[in-house]
Amino acid sequence: MYSLSLRSKLWPALLLLLVIGLTACAAPASPSGDDAATGGEESAASTGGVITVGMPAGFDRLDPNVTTFSRVGNITLHMTDPLVWQVEPGVYAPGLATEWEINEDATEYRFKLRDDVTFHDGTPFNAEAVKFTFDRIVDPETQSQSAFSNIGPYKETEVVNDYEVIVRFDSGYAPFLDNLSGTTLVPVSPTAQQAVGNEDWGITEFVGTGPFMFDSMILNQEIVLVRNPDYAWGPEWTGQTGPANAERLIYKFIEEPSTRTAALETGEIDFMDQTPEIDFAALSENPDIETVELPQPGSGWALMFNQQQYPSSELPVRRAMQLAMDRQGMIDTVYNGFGTPACGPLTSVVFCYDASLCDMYPTDLDLANQTLEEAGWVDTNGDGIREKDGEPLVIGHYYRADAGNSNAEAAFLKDNMAKIGIDVELNGLSRSGYFDAVRSGQHNTQGWWDTGTEPDILRIFFHSSNAGGGTNRNNYINEEMDTMLDAAAAEADPTARCELYSDIQKKVKDEAIMEFWADPVILYAHSKDLANITYYLGGNTPYFYAATISQ
């Protein structure tokens, strides 16, 4: 039996601190020592009460098997259980699966399942539920996004008996345990999903096995979850067994950052996700509030270049934009000084991060201008905008005008690229219009960031199977890259895997497939009445199963 991933020992030691609850110092600095080991002071009330979480609005549906929104996973993890839990980076513990075996080339995973679990609707959890979930993810009619990437070269799930399955892949897939421990591949009730149907699933109903149950939702306004009184299979590594402590978990969606901060200060919410950088220092000095600052695992703030749309289809244009980017200026101006300049597609706390990328194509305005000149882009009119063959150098940048820092990022990008004669045309859209535009490839550029704990996250951005409306909105189609990604995912030896991922990261930089702005930090803040929060998956997922609140 295997309880470790095939690359388990090479994760940065820093991430070992992030699986259990932690709070940061009052000053905005990375957590350390005793401050990094606790989830706040013990609450006077160990059970009962309501925990209210404030987060930005904007997602499509409560369906972690389909969406690209990480906040959907953060919510639905409370209503589901993964097959395995990742209790430390690369170290796994039983979830809905009690045991597992991996064959030598990682093409076959055999799982024994718990036989005492039921979904919230009374449907038994069993092997058929696992097969249903995985088969649904790869069904084209489901239109799965992130989960489709995370299930990799999936071939089939064989039901051995009611509580044993074999999951097979067309080629070796070493990242599978890591991806199982996240939120995108969690099993859902086949009975409930089929009764509701794809159109309404995650809108009117959602049924999992987790410590909280779906109660009600007003899309992008409020979601109410209630405690599952029958929950008896929770993750013991959290220090909690049996039902959750809180009676209800409420998510309030507050898009305006300053309004979200005020809601925490007045007690309207108990926990704030995506704490605004500009408010973090003041919140850290508030004696009634705890603040948390963590380096984000995954891929940081970045710019996708649509390879199929002129002129971002030209390498010299992409290279010039790569060379012109003032990353530190972006951090100082847009992110209020939080974060570090990005070197590549993986943040510095992810396994197989390659620091040598920092020396590839550093900011150089003179070389950026020279690159465009040599490619025939010149300012013939003296208006500051380059032209070629009578056509101005215009980059259509699409962004969410109703979300986070997108407006500030877009404005900074436009000003930055004007220095080398590129006119960035800003197309700020609401959520639905934005997704329609970028999934159909109307953009030259769009912003991106993603969370994850496995370098196979690169498959999301660069594998051809995810182009054409999927998560590869670079629309980058390259057989060599596909082969490299598949080979890295199939490699069982950790050292050899990192060598392969290093080559992938260098190819990304060398072809300027994307431009990487900043490695972010995760900022949370919560009332001191709230304790025992678990920061799961390197801090990407605040988990309230064991949390307590004094009210």
Protein backbone atom coordinates (compact mmCIF):
# COMPACT_ATOMS: atom_id res chain seq x y z
CA MET A 1 0.00 0.00 0.00
CA TYR A 2 1.14 3.53 -0.70
CA SER A 3 0.40 6.49 1.53
CA LEU A 4 2.92 8.89 -0.07
CA SER A 5 2.98 10.50 -3.44
CA LEU A 6 5.76 9.33 -5.74
CA ARG A 7 7.47 12.72 -5.36
CA SER A 8 6.63 13.32 -1.71
CA LYS A 9 9.94 14.36 -0.17
CA LEU A 10 10.97 17.34 -2.25
CA TRP A 11 8.39 19.94 -1.28
CA PRO A 12 9.71 23.17 0.27
CA ALA A 13 9.78 22.90 4.03
CA LEU A 14 7.87 26.15 4.34
CA LEU A 15 4.64 24.54 3.20
CA LEU A 16 4.77 22.07 6.09
CA LEU A 17 3.52 24.87 8.31
CA LEU A 18 0.48 25.67 6.26
CA VAL A 19 -1.77 22.63 6.62
CA ILE A 20 -2.74 23.42 10.19
CA GLY A 21 -4.30 26.68 11.35
CA LEU A 22 -2.01 29.65 11.74
CA THR A 23 -2.11 33.34 12.38
CA ALA A 24 0.36 36.00 11.41
CA CYS A 25 2.04 38.71 13.41
CA ALA A 26 0.48 42.14 13.60
CA ALA A 27 3.01 43.52 11.12
CA PRO A 28 2.62 42.38 7.52
CA ALA A 29 5.29 39.67 7.48
CA SER A 30 5.39 35.97 6.73
CA PRO A 31 4.18 33.85 9.64
CA SER A 32 6.79 32.14 11.78
CA GLY A 33 7.31 30.56 15.20
CA ASP A 34 4.30 30.32 17.52
CA ASP A 35 2.30 32.71 15.36
CA ALA A 36 2.49 30.24 12.48
CA ALA A 37 1.35 27.25 14.49
CA THR A 38 -1.99 28.30 15.93
CA GLY A 39 -5.43 29.04 14.59
CA GLY A 40 -6.08 31.78 17.12
CA GLU A 41 -6.94 31.68 20.81
CA GLU A 42 -9.28 28.98 22.09
CA SER A 43 -12.89 29.98 21.76
CA ALA A 44 -15.04 30.03 24.85
CA ALA A 45 -17.70 28.10 22.91
CA SER A 46 -16.56 24.77 21.46
CA THR A 47 -19.73 23.92 19.55
CA GLY A 48 -22.65 25.75 18.00
CA GLY A 49 -22.87 29.18 16.48
CA VAL A 50 -22.73 30.61 12.99
CA ILE A 51 -19.57 31.40 11.05
CA THR A 52 -19.99 34.06 8.37
CA VAL A 53 -17.37 34.36 5.65
CA GLY A 54 -17.04 37.36 3.37
CA MET A 55 -15.50 36.96 -0.07
CA PRO A 56 -15.61 38.64 -3.47
CA ALA A 57 -18.58 37.85 -5.68
CA GLY A 58 -18.49 36.27 -9.07
CA PHE A 59 -18.63 32.58 -9.92
CA ASP A 60 -20.70 30.43 -12.21
CA ARG A 61 -22.07 27.54 -10.13
CA LEU A 62 -21.33 25.39 -7.09
CA ASP A 63 -19.83 22.58 -9.12
CA PRO A 64 -16.16 21.90 -8.35
CA ASN A 65 -16.07 19.23 -11.07
CA VAL A 66 -16.75 21.89 -13.72
CA THR A 67 -15.78 25.41 -12.66
CA THR A 68 -12.51 27.34 -12.90
CA PHE A 69 -13.31 29.39 -9.78
CA SER A 70 -11.13 28.44 -6.81
CA ARG A 71 -13.67 29.99 -4.41
CA VAL A 72 -16.21 27.38 -5.53
CA GLY A 73 -13.82 24.68 -4.39
CA ASN A 74 -13.26 26.48 -1.09
CA ILE A 75 -16.99 26.42 -0.42
CA THR A 76 -17.82 22.97 -1.74
CA LEU A 77 -14.98 21.26 0.15
CA HIS A 78 -17.16 21.81 3.23
CA MET A 79 -19.94 19.80 1.57
CA THR A 80 -17.71 17.05 0.19
CA ASP A 81 -14.75 14.86 1.08
CA PRO A 82 -11.81 14.02 -1.17
CA LEU A 83 -10.70 10.45 -1.67
CA VAL A 84 -7.43 11.34 0.07
CA TRP A 85 -6.36 14.23 2.28
CA GLN A 86 -2.97 15.88 1.91
CA VAL A 87 -1.92 16.38 5.53
CA GLU A 88 1.57 17.60 4.65
CA PRO A 89 2.98 18.45 1.24
CA GLY A 90 3.24 15.13 -0.55
CA VAL A 91 1.98 13.11 2.42
CA TYR A 92 -1.52 11.67 2.19
CA ALA A 93 -4.07 10.31 4.67
CA PRO A 94 -7.31 8.41 4.12
CA GLY A 95 -10.38 10.33 3.10
CA LEU A 96 -13.20 8.51 1.37
CA ALA A 97 -10.52 6.02 0.35
CA THR A 98 -9.01 3.95 3.15
CA GLU A 99 -6.14 2.36 1.20
CA TRP A 100 -4.55 2.69 -2.22
CA GLU A 101 -1.99 1.02 -4.41
CA ILE A 102 -0.14 2.55 -7.36
CA ASN A 103 1.46 0.41 -10.04
CA GLU A 104 5.06 0.97 -11.05
CA ASP A 105 4.44 3.30 -13.97
CA ALA A 106 1.57 5.21 -12.31
CA THR A 107 -0.95 4.20 -14.95
CA GLU A 108 -3.19 2.37 -12.48
CA TYR A 109 -4.48 3.36 -9.04
CA ARG A 110 -6.47 0.91 -6.92
CA PHE A 111 -8.56 2.35 -4.09
CA LYS A 112 -10.43 0.67 -1.27
CA LEU A 113 -13.31 2.87 -0.13
CA ARG A 114 -15.11 3.50 3.12
CA ASP A 115 -18.27 1.42 3.47
CA ASP A 116 -20.02 3.59 6.07
CA VAL A 117 -20.54 6.85 4.18
CA THR A 118 -23.76 8.27 2.75
CA PHE A 119 -24.38 11.37 0.69
CA HIS A 120 -26.62 14.06 2.17
CA ASP A 121 -29.58 12.73 0.18
CA GLY A 122 -29.17 9.23 1.63
CA THR A 123 -27.47 7.76 -1.44
CA PRO A 124 -24.70 5.36 -0.39
CA PHE A 125 -21.17 6.41 -1.24
CA ASN A 126 -19.57 3.58 -3.19
CA ALA A 127 -17.45 2.70 -6.19
CA GLU A 128 -20.21 3.63 -8.63
CA ALA A 129 -20.22 7.19 -7.22
CA VAL A 130 -16.48 7.50 -7.88
CA LYS A 131 -16.85 6.18 -11.41
CA PHE A 132 -19.84 8.45 -12.05
CA THR A 133 -17.91 11.54 -10.92
CA PHE A 134 -14.80 10.84 -12.98
CA ASP A 135 -16.73 9.81 -16.09
CA ARG A 136 -18.88 12.92 -15.82
CA ILE A 137 -15.78 15.13 -15.68
CA VAL A 138 -14.43 13.80 -18.98
CA ASP A 139 -17.83 13.78 -20.71
CA PRO A 140 -17.71 16.63 -23.29
CA GLU A 141 -21.30 17.55 -22.47
CA THR A 142 -20.25 18.44 -18.92
CA GLN A 143 -17.86 21.11 -20.21
CA SER A 144 -15.54 20.61 -17.27
CA GLN A 145 -12.68 23.08 -16.99
CA SER A 146 -10.12 22.77 -14.14
CA ALA A 147 -11.20 19.24 -13.18
CA PHE A 148 -10.79 18.10 -16.78
CA SER A 149 -7.17 19.27 -16.60
CA ASN A 150 -6.60 17.74 -13.18
CA ILE A 151 -7.83 14.29 -14.16
CA GLY A 152 -5.07 14.18 -16.78
CA PRO A 153 -4.83 11.29 -19.28
CA TYR A 154 -7.82 9.52 -17.73
CA LYS A 155 -8.84 6.30 -19.42
CA GLU A 156 -11.45 4.60 -17.26
CA THR A 157 -12.64 3.62 -13.80
CA GLU A 158 -13.31 -0.05 -13.18
CA VAL A 159 -15.72 -0.96 -10.41
CA VAL A 160 -14.16 -4.02 -8.76
CA ASN A 161 -16.90 -4.29 -6.17
CA ASP A 162 -19.06 -1.90 -4.17
CA TYR A 163 -16.08 -0.51 -2.26
CA GLU A 164 -13.11 -0.93 -4.56
CA VAL A 165 -12.19 0.81 -7.79
CA ILE A 166 -9.30 0.84 -10.22
CA VAL A 167 -8.62 4.15 -11.99
CA ARG A 168 -6.57 3.80 -15.17
CA PHE A 169 -4.73 6.33 -17.31
CA ASP A 170 -3.55 6.17 -20.91
CA SER A 171 -0.08 7.14 -19.70
CA GLY A 172 1.58 7.44 -16.31
CA TYR A 173 0.06 10.11 -14.10
CA ALA A 174 2.08 10.73 -10.93
CA PRO A 175 0.15 13.91 -9.93
CA PHE A 176 -3.11 12.03 -9.41
CA LEU A 177 -2.97 11.72 -5.60
CA ASP A 178 -2.19 15.42 -5.27
CA ASN A 179 -5.09 16.31 -7.53
CA LEU A 180 -7.41 13.95 -5.66
CA SER A 181 -6.61 15.75 -2.41
CA GLY A 182 -7.91 19.03 -3.80
CA THR A 183 -11.42 20.15 -4.56
CA THR A 184 -11.93 19.51 -8.27
CA LEU A 185 -12.22 15.70 -8.22
CA VAL A 186 -14.44 15.25 -5.14
CA PRO A 187 -17.24 12.67 -5.51
CA VAL A 188 -20.83 13.91 -5.67
CA SER A 189 -24.14 12.06 -5.38
CA PRO A 190 -25.01 10.39 -8.69
CA THR A 191 -28.67 10.21 -7.67
CA ALA A 192 -28.95 13.92 -6.93
CA GLN A 193 -26.88 15.09 -9.89
CA GLN A 194 -28.82 13.03 -12.40
CA ALA A 195 -32.14 14.14 -10.91
CA VAL A 196 -31.21 17.82 -11.11
CA GLY A 197 -29.25 17.70 -14.38
CA ASN A 198 -26.18 19.64 -15.50
CA GLU A 199 -28.05 22.88 -16.08
CA ASP A 200 -29.30 23.28 -12.51
CA TRP A 201 -26.65 21.32 -10.61
CA GLY A 202 -24.78 23.76 -8.41
CA ILE A 203 -27.55 26.32 -8.84
CA THR A 204 -30.56 24.79 -7.12
CA GLU A 205 -28.91 21.78 -5.50
CA PHE A 206 -25.57 20.31 -4.51
CA VAL A 207 -25.13 17.03 -2.62
CA GLY A 208 -21.88 15.66 -1.24
CA THR A 209 -20.72 13.71 1.80
CA GLY A 210 -19.09 16.49 3.83
CA PRO A 211 -19.59 18.03 7.29
CA PHE A 212 -21.95 20.72 5.96
CA MET A 213 -25.00 20.43 3.72
CA PHE A 214 -26.38 22.80 1.10
CA ASP A 215 -29.29 24.82 2.46
CA SER A 216 -29.85 27.79 0.17
CA MET A 217 -28.16 30.09 -2.33
CA ILE A 218 -28.81 33.44 -3.89
CA LEU A 219 -26.18 33.39 -6.63
CA ASN A 220 -23.37 35.86 -5.96
CA GLN A 221 -25.13 37.15 -2.84
CA GLU A 222 -25.28 34.48 -0.14
CA ILE A 223 -24.85 30.75 0.39
CA VAL A 224 -26.03 29.03 3.56
CA LEU A 225 -24.67 25.65 4.65
CA VAL A 226 -25.96 23.73 7.66
CA ARG A 227 -24.18 21.17 9.82
CA ASN A 228 -24.50 17.52 8.79
CA PRO A 229 -25.52 15.85 12.07
CA ASP A 230 -24.63 12.39 10.74
CA TYR A 231 -21.07 13.21 9.75
CA ALA A 232 -18.81 10.58 11.33
CA TRP A 233 -15.91 10.11 8.91
CA GLY A 234 -14.14 13.46 9.19
CA PRO A 235 -10.41 13.95 8.85
CA GLU A 236 -8.87 13.14 12.23
CA TRP A 237 -5.70 15.05 11.34
CA THR A 238 -7.66 18.28 11.91
CA GLY A 239 -8.09 17.34 15.57
CA GLN A 240 -11.84 17.04 15.04
CA THR A 241 -14.05 13.97 14.70
CA GLY A 242 -17.77 13.68 14.20
CA PRO A 243 -20.01 16.60 13.16
CA ALA A 244 -18.62 20.09 12.65
CA ASN A 245 -18.61 22.49 15.58
CA ALA A 246 -20.50 25.31 13.89
CA GLU A 247 -24.22 24.92 13.26
CA ARG A 248 -24.18 27.00 10.10
CA LEU A 249 -21.61 28.33 7.66
CA ILE A 250 -22.71 31.38 5.69
CA TYR A 251 -20.85 32.86 2.73
CA LYS A 252 -21.65 36.48 1.94
CA PHE A 253 -20.40 37.84 -1.37
CA ILE A 254 -19.13 41.39 -1.06
CA GLU A 255 -17.32 42.55 -4.17
CA GLU A 256 -16.17 45.99 -3.04
CA PRO A 257 -12.94 45.45 -1.01
CA SER A 258 -13.45 48.37 1.37
CA THR A 259 -17.01 47.21 2.08
CA ARG A 260 -15.68 43.74 2.86
CA THR A 261 -13.18 45.22 5.31
CA ALA A 262 -15.86 47.30 6.99
CA ALA A 263 -18.05 44.21 7.32
CA LEU A 264 -15.28 42.47 9.27
CA GLU A 265 -14.64 45.48 11.49
CA THR A 266 -18.32 45.82 12.37
CA GLY A 267 -18.83 42.10 12.96
CA GLU A 268 -21.12 41.50 9.98
CA ILE A 269 -18.67 38.79 8.90
CA ASP A 270 -16.27 36.71 10.98
CA PHE A 271 -13.72 35.82 8.30
CA MET A 272 -12.56 37.75 5.24
CA ASP A 273 -11.22 35.99 2.17
CA GLN A 274 -8.99 37.98 -0.20
CA THR A 275 -8.26 40.70 2.32
CA PRO A 276 -7.45 43.93 0.43
CA GLU A 277 -3.72 44.68 0.48
CA ILE A 278 -4.37 48.33 1.23
CA ASP A 279 -6.27 47.45 4.44
CA PHE A 280 -4.02 44.69 5.75
CA ALA A 281 -1.67 46.78 7.90
CA ALA A 282 -4.52 48.59 9.66
CA LEU A 283 -6.36 45.32 10.28
CA SER A 284 -3.18 43.85 11.76
CA GLU A 285 -3.19 46.60 14.37
CA ASN A 286 -6.82 46.01 15.35
CA PRO A 287 -6.85 44.16 18.71
CA ASP A 288 -10.08 42.36 17.81
CA ILE A 289 -8.80 40.94 14.52
CA GLU A 290 -6.24 38.31 13.55
CA THR A 291 -4.45 38.59 10.20
CA VAL A 292 -2.82 35.81 8.20
CA GLU A 293 -0.24 36.17 5.42
CA LEU A 294 0.92 33.15 3.41
CA PRO A 295 2.90 32.67 0.19
CA GLN A 296 0.53 31.37 -2.45
CA PRO A 297 1.26 27.97 -3.98
CA GLY A 298 0.32 27.67 -7.62
CA SER A 299 0.77 30.10 -10.47
CA GLY A 300 0.79 33.82 -9.75
CA TRP A 301 -0.60 36.93 -11.40
CA ALA A 302 0.11 36.59 -15.11
CA LEU A 303 -0.87 37.54 -18.64
CA MET A 304 -2.03 35.00 -21.21
CA PHE A 305 -1.19 35.70 -24.87
CA ASN A 306 -3.66 34.31 -27.40
CA GLN A 307 -1.43 32.57 -29.95
CA GLN A 308 -4.26 32.42 -32.49
CA GLN A 309 -5.09 36.14 -32.57
CA TYR A 310 -2.97 38.70 -34.42
CA PRO A 311 -0.73 40.43 -33.35
CA SER A 312 -0.19 38.42 -30.14
CA SER A 313 0.40 35.48 -32.50
CA GLU A 314 3.80 37.06 -33.29
CA LEU A 315 6.67 36.02 -31.02
CA PRO A 316 8.47 39.40 -31.32
CA VAL A 317 5.36 41.17 -30.00
CA ARG A 318 5.07 38.80 -27.07
CA ARG A 319 8.81 38.98 -26.42
CA ALA A 320 8.76 42.77 -26.40
CA MET A 321 5.90 42.82 -23.91
CA GLN A 322 7.77 40.28 -21.79
CA LEU A 323 10.90 42.44 -21.82
CA ALA A 324 8.99 45.67 -21.14
CA MET A 325 7.06 44.50 -18.10
CA ASP A 326 7.84 46.41 -14.90
CA ARG A 327 6.98 43.65 -12.45
CA GLN A 328 8.04 45.45 -9.30
CA GLY A 329 6.13 48.52 -10.43
CA MET A 330 3.04 46.36 -10.88
CA ILE A 331 3.46 44.98 -7.35
CA ASP A 332 3.96 48.42 -5.82
CA THR A 333 1.15 50.09 -7.74
CA VAL A 334 -1.52 47.41 -8.05
CA TYR A 335 -0.82 45.01 -5.16
CA ASN A 336 0.21 47.62 -2.58
CA GLY A 337 3.68 46.12 -2.22
CA PHE A 338 2.54 42.55 -1.48
CA GLY A 339 4.20 39.78 -3.45
CA THR A 340 7.48 39.30 -5.29
CA PRO A 341 8.33 39.60 -8.98
CA ALA A 342 7.46 36.36 -10.75
CA CYS A 343 10.13 34.42 -12.57
CA GLY A 344 7.98 31.83 -14.29
CA PRO A 345 4.74 29.86 -14.32
CA LEU A 346 5.18 28.31 -10.85
CA THR A 347 5.37 30.31 -7.64
CA SER A 348 8.50 29.84 -5.56
CA VAL A 349 6.86 27.50 -2.99
CA VAL A 350 5.74 24.89 -5.53
CA PHE A 351 7.63 21.62 -6.05
CA CYS A 352 9.92 21.83 -9.12
CA TYR A 353 10.06 25.64 -9.14
CA ASP A 354 13.10 26.67 -11.19
CA ALA A 355 14.86 29.79 -9.85
CA SER A 356 17.10 29.99 -12.92
CA LEU A 357 14.15 31.41 -14.84
CA CYS A 358 14.69 34.69 -13.00
CA ASP A 359 17.67 35.32 -15.28
CA MET A 360 15.72 34.70 -18.48
CA TYR A 361 14.45 37.82 -20.26
CA PRO A 362 14.69 40.37 -17.44
CA THR A 363 13.08 43.78 -17.92
CA ASP A 364 14.93 45.68 -20.65
CA LEU A 365 13.05 48.50 -22.42
CA ASP A 366 15.85 49.11 -24.93
CA LEU A 367 15.86 45.47 -26.00
CA ALA A 368 12.05 45.47 -26.12
CA ASN A 369 12.08 48.43 -28.52
CA GLN A 370 14.86 46.85 -30.58
CA THR A 371 12.89 43.60 -30.84
CA LEU A 372 9.88 45.40 -32.27
CA GLU A 373 12.00 47.47 -34.67
CA GLU A 374 13.68 44.35 -36.05
CA ALA A 375 10.25 42.74 -36.54
CA GLY A 376 9.12 45.70 -38.67
CA TRP A 377 7.02 47.50 -36.06
CA VAL A 378 7.94 51.19 -36.30
CA ASP A 379 6.34 54.50 -35.30
CA THR A 380 5.92 56.03 -38.74
CA ASN A 381 3.40 58.70 -37.69
CA GLY A 382 5.18 59.97 -34.61
CA ASP A 383 2.05 59.38 -32.53
CA GLY A 384 3.74 56.96 -30.16
CA ILE A 385 2.03 53.86 -31.62
CA ARG A 386 4.05 51.47 -33.77
CA GLU A 387 2.76 50.25 -37.11
CA LYS A 388 3.54 47.54 -39.64
CA ASP A 389 2.11 47.35 -43.14
CA GLY A 390 -0.16 50.26 -42.26
CA GLU A 391 -1.68 48.49 -39.26
CA PRO A 392 -1.19 49.91 -35.74
CA LEU A 393 0.18 47.67 -33.00
CA VAL A 394 -2.96 47.24 -30.88
CA ILE A 395 -3.36 44.56 -28.23
CA GLY A 396 -6.93 43.82 -27.17
CA HIS A 397 -6.81 43.12 -23.43
CA TYR A 398 -9.95 41.56 -21.93
CA TYR A 399 -10.58 41.64 -18.21
CA ARG A 400 -13.27 41.44 -15.54
CA ALA A 401 -14.30 45.03 -14.88
CA ASP A 402 -16.31 43.81 -11.89
CA ALA A 403 -13.60 41.80 -10.13
CA GLY A 404 -10.70 42.45 -7.76
CA ASN A 405 -7.62 44.22 -9.07
CA SER A 406 -8.47 43.66 -12.73
CA ASN A 407 -9.10 47.33 -13.51
CA ALA A 408 -5.85 48.44 -11.88
CA GLU A 409 -3.91 45.67 -13.62
CA ALA A 410 -5.36 46.68 -16.98
CA ALA A 411 -4.52 50.35 -16.46
CA PHE A 412 -0.96 49.54 -15.42
CA LEU A 413 -0.51 47.22 -18.41
CA LYS A 414 -1.70 49.93 -20.80
CA ASP A 415 0.67 52.55 -19.34
CA ASN A 416 3.58 50.11 -19.25
CA MET A 417 3.23 49.00 -22.87
CA ALA A 418 2.82 52.57 -24.13
CA LYS A 419 6.53 52.97 -23.30
CA ILE A 420 7.41 50.69 -26.23
CA GLY A 421 4.74 51.92 -28.65
CA ILE A 422 2.07 49.29 -28.04
CA ASP A 423 -1.51 50.46 -27.72
CA VAL A 424 -3.36 48.25 -25.23
CA GLU A 425 -7.07 48.44 -25.94
CA LEU A 426 -8.98 47.85 -22.72
CA ASN A 427 -12.09 45.69 -22.88
CA GLY A 428 -13.57 45.54 -19.40
CA LEU A 429 -16.59 43.26 -19.21
CA SER A 430 -18.89 41.74 -16.62
CA ARG A 431 -18.43 38.08 -15.75
CA SER A 432 -20.67 36.48 -18.38
CA GLY A 433 -19.51 38.73 -21.21
CA TYR A 434 -15.89 38.25 -20.25
CA PHE A 435 -16.07 34.46 -20.28
CA ASP A 436 -17.95 34.44 -23.56
CA ALA A 437 -15.21 36.58 -25.08
CA VAL A 438 -12.11 34.79 -23.83
CA ARG A 439 -13.46 31.26 -24.26
CA SER A 440 -14.24 32.09 -27.88
CA GLY A 441 -10.74 33.56 -28.35
CA GLN A 442 -11.60 37.21 -29.01
CA HIS A 443 -8.76 38.44 -26.81
CA ASN A 444 -5.11 39.11 -27.47
CA THR A 445 -4.42 39.05 -23.75
CA GLN A 446 -6.21 38.22 -20.53
CA GLY A 447 -5.10 38.02 -16.91
CA TRP A 448 -4.78 34.76 -14.99
CA TRP A 449 -3.77 33.29 -11.67
CA ASP A 450 -4.33 29.85 -10.24
CA THR A 451 -3.80 27.93 -7.04
CA GLY A 452 -2.30 24.48 -6.76
CA THR A 453 0.30 22.35 -5.05
CA GLU A 454 1.55 20.28 -8.01
CA PRO A 455 3.64 21.36 -11.02
CA ASP A 456 1.19 19.53 -13.29
CA ILE A 457 -0.84 22.73 -12.92
CA LEU A 458 1.11 23.73 -16.06
CA ARG A 459 -1.11 21.34 -18.02
CA ILE A 460 -3.98 23.77 -17.40
CA PHE A 461 -2.26 26.57 -19.33
CA PHE A 462 -0.18 24.84 -21.98
CA HIS A 463 -1.59 21.45 -23.00
CA SER A 464 -3.31 21.45 -26.38
CA SER A 465 -6.25 19.48 -25.01
CA ASN A 466 -7.22 22.53 -22.93
CA ALA A 467 -7.14 25.01 -25.83
CA GLY A 468 -10.15 26.10 -27.84
CA GLY A 469 -12.44 27.22 -25.05
CA GLY A 470 -10.83 25.45 -22.10
CA THR A 471 -8.34 26.67 -19.54
CA ASN A 472 -5.52 27.06 -22.07
CA ARG A 473 -6.66 30.48 -23.18
CA ASN A 474 -3.25 31.05 -24.67
CA ASN A 475 -4.73 28.79 -27.36
CA TYR A 476 -1.23 27.38 -27.51
CA ILE A 477 -1.20 24.17 -29.53
CA ASN A 478 2.19 22.51 -29.59
CA GLU A 479 2.79 18.78 -29.91
CA GLU A 480 6.26 19.01 -28.37
CA MET A 481 4.87 20.75 -25.29
CA ASP A 482 2.12 18.14 -24.96
CA THR A 483 4.74 15.39 -25.05
CA MET A 484 6.84 17.17 -22.44
CA LEU A 485 3.89 17.68 -20.10
CA ASP A 486 2.76 14.09 -20.45
CA ALA A 487 6.29 12.80 -19.84
CA ALA A 488 6.72 14.93 -16.71
CA ALA A 489 3.40 13.75 -15.31
CA ALA A 490 4.33 10.13 -16.01
CA GLU A 491 7.78 10.31 -14.38
CA ALA A 492 7.85 8.61 -10.98
CA ASP A 493 11.31 9.72 -9.86
CA PRO A 494 11.12 13.15 -8.15
CA THR A 495 14.50 14.39 -9.35
CA ALA A 496 13.83 13.36 -12.92
CA ARG A 497 10.36 14.96 -12.76
CA CYS A 498 11.85 18.30 -11.75
CA GLU A 499 14.34 18.16 -14.60
CA LEU A 500 11.48 17.67 -17.02
CA TYR A 501 9.44 20.48 -15.48
CA SER A 502 12.48 22.75 -15.63
CA ASP A 503 12.64 22.19 -19.40
CA ILE A 504 8.93 22.96 -19.65
CA GLN A 505 9.25 26.20 -17.70
CA LYS A 506 12.19 27.31 -19.86
CA LYS A 507 10.23 26.57 -23.03
CA VAL A 508 7.38 28.70 -21.70
CA LYS A 509 9.70 31.63 -21.11
CA ASP A 510 11.63 31.15 -24.35
CA GLU A 511 8.45 31.18 -26.45
CA ALA A 512 6.87 33.97 -24.35
CA ILE A 513 3.69 31.92 -24.12
CA MET A 514 2.68 33.92 -21.05
CA GLU A 515 4.07 36.88 -19.13
CA PHE A 516 4.37 36.42 -15.37
CA TRP A 517 3.86 39.42 -13.15
CA ALA A 518 3.95 38.53 -9.47
CA ASP A 519 4.06 35.66 -7.01
CA PRO A 520 1.18 36.66 -4.70
CA VAL A 521 0.66 36.32 -1.00
CA ILE A 522 -2.60 35.05 0.45
CA LEU A 523 -4.11 37.53 2.92
CA TYR A 524 -6.83 36.57 5.38
CA ALA A 525 -8.30 38.35 8.37
CA HIS A 526 -10.78 37.15 10.94
CA SER A 527 -12.39 37.97 14.24
CA LYS A 528 -10.50 36.79 17.31
CA ASP A 529 -13.74 35.10 18.35
CA LEU A 530 -13.10 32.63 15.53
CA ALA A 531 -10.55 29.88 16.23
CA ASN A 532 -9.25 26.53 14.98
CA ILE A 533 -9.33 27.36 11.28
CA THR A 534 -7.45 24.93 9.06
CA TYR A 535 -5.51 26.43 6.17
CA TYR A 536 -5.53 23.52 3.76
CA LEU A 537 -3.39 22.91 0.66
CA GLY A 538 -0.69 25.41 1.50
CA GLY A 539 -3.23 27.96 2.68
CA ASN A 540 -5.26 28.06 -0.53
CA THR A 541 -8.38 26.72 1.20
CA PRO A 542 -9.66 28.04 4.56
CA TYR A 543 -11.44 25.02 6.05
CA PHE A 544 -13.94 25.53 8.89
CA TYR A 545 -14.79 21.94 9.81
CA ALA A 546 -13.01 22.16 13.19
CA ALA A 547 -13.50 25.90 13.67
CA THR A 548 -15.20 27.31 16.75
CA ILE A 549 -16.71 30.71 17.38
CA SER A 550 -17.70 32.61 20.51
CA GLN A 551 -20.96 34.49 20.01
